[in-house]
């Protein structure tokens, strides 16, 4: 991966890009499986928002890793 003295290579960027796409697809699948229509009671709605918060944290982590791995 890139260091403080060199810029990331094309291979580094391609790897980071592919990894990001895989993570985004996994997040998309997770969101698609959330039972939003079945969320009729407060407990279920809270659980869904906890899951959405966890997904938002994963996206933040993905962004941080992508920026760290692609800066030279």
N, C-alpha and C. Protein backbone atom coordinates (compact mmCIF):
# COMPACT_ATOMS: atom_id res chain seq x y z
N UNK A 1 0.84 -1.18 0.00
CA UNK A 1 0.00 0.00 0.00
C UNK A 1 0.88 1.24 0.00
N UNK A 2 0.26 2.36 -0.15
CA UNK A 2 0.99 3.62 -0.23
C UNK A 2 1.66 3.97 1.08
N UNK A 3 2.81 4.62 0.98
CA UNK A 3 3.51 5.10 2.17
C UNK A 3 3.60 6.63 2.08
N UNK A 4 4.21 7.22 3.09
CA UNK A 4 4.33 8.68 3.11
C UNK A 4 5.27 9.18 2.01
N UNK A 5 6.12 8.30 1.47
CA UNK A 5 7.10 8.74 0.49
C UNK A 5 6.73 8.38 -0.94
N UNK A 6 5.65 7.65 -1.15
CA UNK A 6 5.28 7.30 -2.52
C UNK A 6 3.77 7.38 -2.71
N UNK A 7 3.40 7.58 -3.95
CA UNK A 7 1.98 7.64 -4.28
C UNK A 7 1.45 6.23 -4.47
N UNK A 8 0.14 6.03 -4.30
CA UNK A 8 -0.40 4.69 -4.50
C UNK A 8 -0.29 4.29 -5.97
N UNK A 9 -0.05 3.02 -6.17
CA UNK A 9 0.06 2.50 -7.53
C UNK A 9 -1.34 2.25 -8.09
N UNK A 10 -1.40 1.98 -9.37
CA UNK A 10 -2.66 1.63 -10.01
C UNK A 10 -3.24 0.38 -9.36
N UNK A 11 -2.38 -0.57 -9.04
CA UNK A 11 -2.84 -1.80 -8.38
C UNK A 11 -3.43 -1.50 -7.00
N UNK A 12 -2.81 -0.59 -6.27
CA UNK A 12 -3.35 -0.18 -4.96
C UNK A 12 -4.74 0.40 -5.10
N UNK A 13 -4.90 1.29 -6.07
CA UNK A 13 -6.19 1.94 -6.28
C UNK A 13 -7.24 0.94 -6.76
N UNK A 14 -6.85 0.03 -7.62
CA UNK A 14 -7.79 -0.98 -8.11
C UNK A 14 -8.24 -1.89 -6.97
N UNK A 15 -7.30 -2.29 -6.12
CA UNK A 15 -7.67 -3.11 -4.96
C UNK A 15 -8.63 -2.36 -4.05
N UNK A 16 -8.31 -1.10 -3.74
CA UNK A 16 -9.17 -0.31 -2.86
C UNK A 16 -10.55 -0.13 -3.49
N UNK A 17 -10.59 0.10 -4.78
CA UNK A 17 -11.86 0.27 -5.49
C UNK A 17 -12.69 -1.02 -5.43
N UNK A 18 -12.06 -2.15 -5.74
CA UNK A 18 -12.77 -3.43 -5.71
C UNK A 18 -13.28 -3.76 -4.31
N UNK A 19 -12.44 -3.50 -3.31
CA UNK A 19 -12.83 -3.77 -1.93
C UNK A 19 -14.01 -2.87 -1.53
N UNK A 20 -13.96 -1.62 -1.94
CA UNK A 20 -15.06 -0.70 -1.63
C UNK A 20 -16.35 -1.16 -2.29
N UNK A 21 -16.28 -1.58 -3.54
CA UNK A 21 -17.48 -2.06 -4.23
C UNK A 21 -18.06 -3.30 -3.56
N UNK A 22 -17.21 -4.20 -3.11
CA UNK A 22 -17.69 -5.40 -2.40
C UNK A 22 -18.40 -5.01 -1.11
N UNK A 23 -17.83 -4.07 -0.37
CA UNK A 23 -18.45 -3.64 0.88
C UNK A 23 -19.77 -2.91 0.63
N UNK A 24 -19.81 -2.09 -0.40
CA UNK A 24 -21.05 -1.38 -0.73
C UNK A 24 -22.14 -2.37 -1.12
N UNK A 25 -21.79 -3.38 -1.89
CA UNK A 25 -22.77 -4.40 -2.27
C UNK A 25 -23.28 -5.15 -1.05
N UNK A 26 -22.38 -5.46 -0.13
CA UNK A 26 -22.80 -6.15 1.10
C UNK A 26 -23.74 -5.27 1.92
N UNK A 27 -23.45 -3.99 2.00
CA UNK A 27 -24.33 -3.06 2.71
C UNK A 27 -25.69 -2.96 2.01
N UNK A 28 -25.66 -2.90 0.68
CA UNK A 28 -26.92 -2.82 -0.06
C UNK A 28 -27.78 -4.04 0.20
N UNK A 29 -27.18 -5.21 0.20
CA UNK A 29 -27.92 -6.45 0.46
C UNK A 29 -28.49 -6.45 1.87
N UNK A 30 -27.72 -5.97 2.82
CA UNK A 30 -28.19 -5.92 4.21
C UNK A 30 -29.39 -5.00 4.34
N UNK A 31 -29.31 -3.82 3.73
CA UNK A 31 -30.43 -2.88 3.79
C UNK A 31 -31.65 -3.47 3.09
N UNK A 32 -31.44 -4.15 1.98
CA UNK A 32 -32.57 -4.75 1.25
C UNK A 32 -33.28 -5.81 2.09
N UNK A 33 -32.57 -6.44 3.01
CA UNK A 33 -33.17 -7.49 3.84
C UNK A 33 -33.84 -6.95 5.11
N UNK A 34 -33.68 -5.66 5.40
CA UNK A 34 -34.30 -5.10 6.60
C UNK A 34 -35.83 -5.18 6.46
N UNK A 35 -36.48 -5.71 7.46
CA UNK A 35 -37.94 -5.88 7.38
C UNK A 35 -38.69 -4.59 7.73
N UNK A 36 -38.53 -3.58 6.89
CA UNK A 36 -39.13 -2.29 7.19
C UNK A 36 -40.66 -2.35 7.22
N UNK A 37 -41.25 -3.12 6.35
CA UNK A 37 -42.72 -3.18 6.30
C UNK A 37 -43.30 -3.90 7.51
N UNK A 38 -42.52 -4.75 8.15
CA UNK A 38 -43.00 -5.48 9.32
C UNK A 38 -42.78 -4.70 10.62
N UNK A 39 -42.19 -3.54 10.53
CA UNK A 39 -41.86 -2.75 11.73
C UNK A 39 -43.11 -2.04 12.22
N UNK A 40 -43.95 -2.76 12.91
CA UNK A 40 -45.21 -2.19 13.39
C UNK A 40 -45.15 -1.75 14.85
N UNK A 41 -44.22 -2.32 15.60
CA UNK A 41 -44.15 -1.92 17.00
C UNK A 41 -42.85 -1.17 17.29
N UNK A 42 -42.83 -0.50 18.41
CA UNK A 42 -41.70 0.37 18.77
C UNK A 42 -40.41 -0.44 18.90
N UNK A 43 -40.49 -1.63 19.48
CA UNK A 43 -39.28 -2.45 19.68
C UNK A 43 -38.65 -2.80 18.33
N UNK A 44 -39.46 -3.21 17.37
CA UNK A 44 -38.93 -3.57 16.05
C UNK A 44 -38.34 -2.36 15.35
N UNK A 45 -38.99 -1.23 15.48
CA UNK A 45 -38.47 -0.01 14.86
C UNK A 45 -37.13 0.37 15.49
N UNK A 46 -37.02 0.25 16.80
CA UNK A 46 -35.73 0.54 17.47
C UNK A 46 -34.64 -0.40 16.97
N UNK A 47 -34.96 -1.68 16.84
CA UNK A 47 -33.97 -2.65 16.35
C UNK A 47 -33.51 -2.30 14.94
N UNK A 48 -34.45 -1.89 14.10
CA UNK A 48 -34.09 -1.51 12.73
C UNK A 48 -33.18 -0.29 12.72
N UNK A 49 -33.47 0.68 13.57
CA UNK A 49 -32.62 1.87 13.61
C UNK A 49 -31.24 1.55 14.18
N UNK A 50 -31.16 0.60 15.09
CA UNK A 50 -29.85 0.17 15.58
C UNK A 50 -29.07 -0.47 14.43
N UNK A 51 -29.73 -1.31 13.64
CA UNK A 51 -29.07 -1.92 12.49
C UNK A 51 -28.63 -0.86 11.48
N UNK A 52 -29.48 0.11 11.22
CA UNK A 52 -29.11 1.19 10.30
C UNK A 52 -27.94 2.00 10.84
N UNK A 53 -27.90 2.22 12.14
CA UNK A 53 -26.78 2.93 12.75
C UNK A 53 -25.49 2.13 12.59
N UNK A 54 -25.58 0.82 12.79
CA UNK A 54 -24.41 -0.04 12.59
C UNK A 54 -23.93 0.03 11.14
N UNK A 55 -24.87 0.04 10.19
CA UNK A 55 -24.50 0.13 8.78
C UNK A 55 -23.84 1.48 8.49
N UNK A 56 -24.36 2.54 9.08
CA UNK A 56 -23.75 3.85 8.88
C UNK A 56 -22.32 3.87 9.42
N UNK A 57 -22.09 3.20 10.55
CA UNK A 57 -20.74 3.09 11.10
C UNK A 57 -19.83 2.34 10.14
N UNK A 58 -20.34 1.28 9.52
CA UNK A 58 -19.54 0.52 8.55
C UNK A 58 -19.18 1.39 7.35
N UNK A 59 -20.12 2.19 6.88
CA UNK A 59 -19.85 3.08 5.76
C UNK A 59 -18.78 4.10 6.14
N UNK A 60 -18.87 4.65 7.34
CA UNK A 60 -17.85 5.59 7.81
C UNK A 60 -16.48 4.93 7.86
N UNK A 61 -16.44 3.71 8.36
CA UNK A 61 -15.17 2.97 8.40
C UNK A 61 -14.63 2.69 7.02
N UNK A 62 -15.51 2.35 6.10
CA UNK A 62 -15.11 2.09 4.73
C UNK A 62 -14.51 3.35 4.10
N UNK A 63 -15.16 4.48 4.33
CA UNK A 63 -14.65 5.74 3.80
C UNK A 63 -13.28 6.07 4.38
N UNK A 64 -13.13 5.88 5.67
CA UNK A 64 -11.85 6.16 6.33
C UNK A 64 -10.75 5.26 5.78
N UNK A 65 -11.04 3.97 5.65
CA UNK A 65 -10.04 3.04 5.11
C UNK A 65 -9.69 3.38 3.67
N UNK A 66 -10.68 3.73 2.87
CA UNK A 66 -10.43 4.08 1.48
C UNK A 66 -9.52 5.30 1.39
N UNK A 67 -9.82 6.31 2.18
CA UNK A 67 -8.99 7.52 2.16
C UNK A 67 -7.59 7.23 2.64
N UNK A 68 -7.44 6.44 3.68
CA UNK A 68 -6.12 6.11 4.20
C UNK A 68 -5.31 5.30 3.19
N UNK A 69 -5.96 4.37 2.49
CA UNK A 69 -5.26 3.49 1.58
C UNK A 69 -4.96 4.12 0.22
N UNK A 70 -5.60 5.23 -0.11
CA UNK A 70 -5.36 5.83 -1.42
C UNK A 70 -4.59 7.12 -1.37
N UNK A 71 -4.27 7.62 -0.19
CA UNK A 71 -3.47 8.85 -0.11
C UNK A 71 -2.00 8.51 -0.14
N UNK A 72 -1.27 9.28 -0.90
CA UNK A 72 0.16 9.02 -1.00
C UNK A 72 0.98 10.05 -0.31
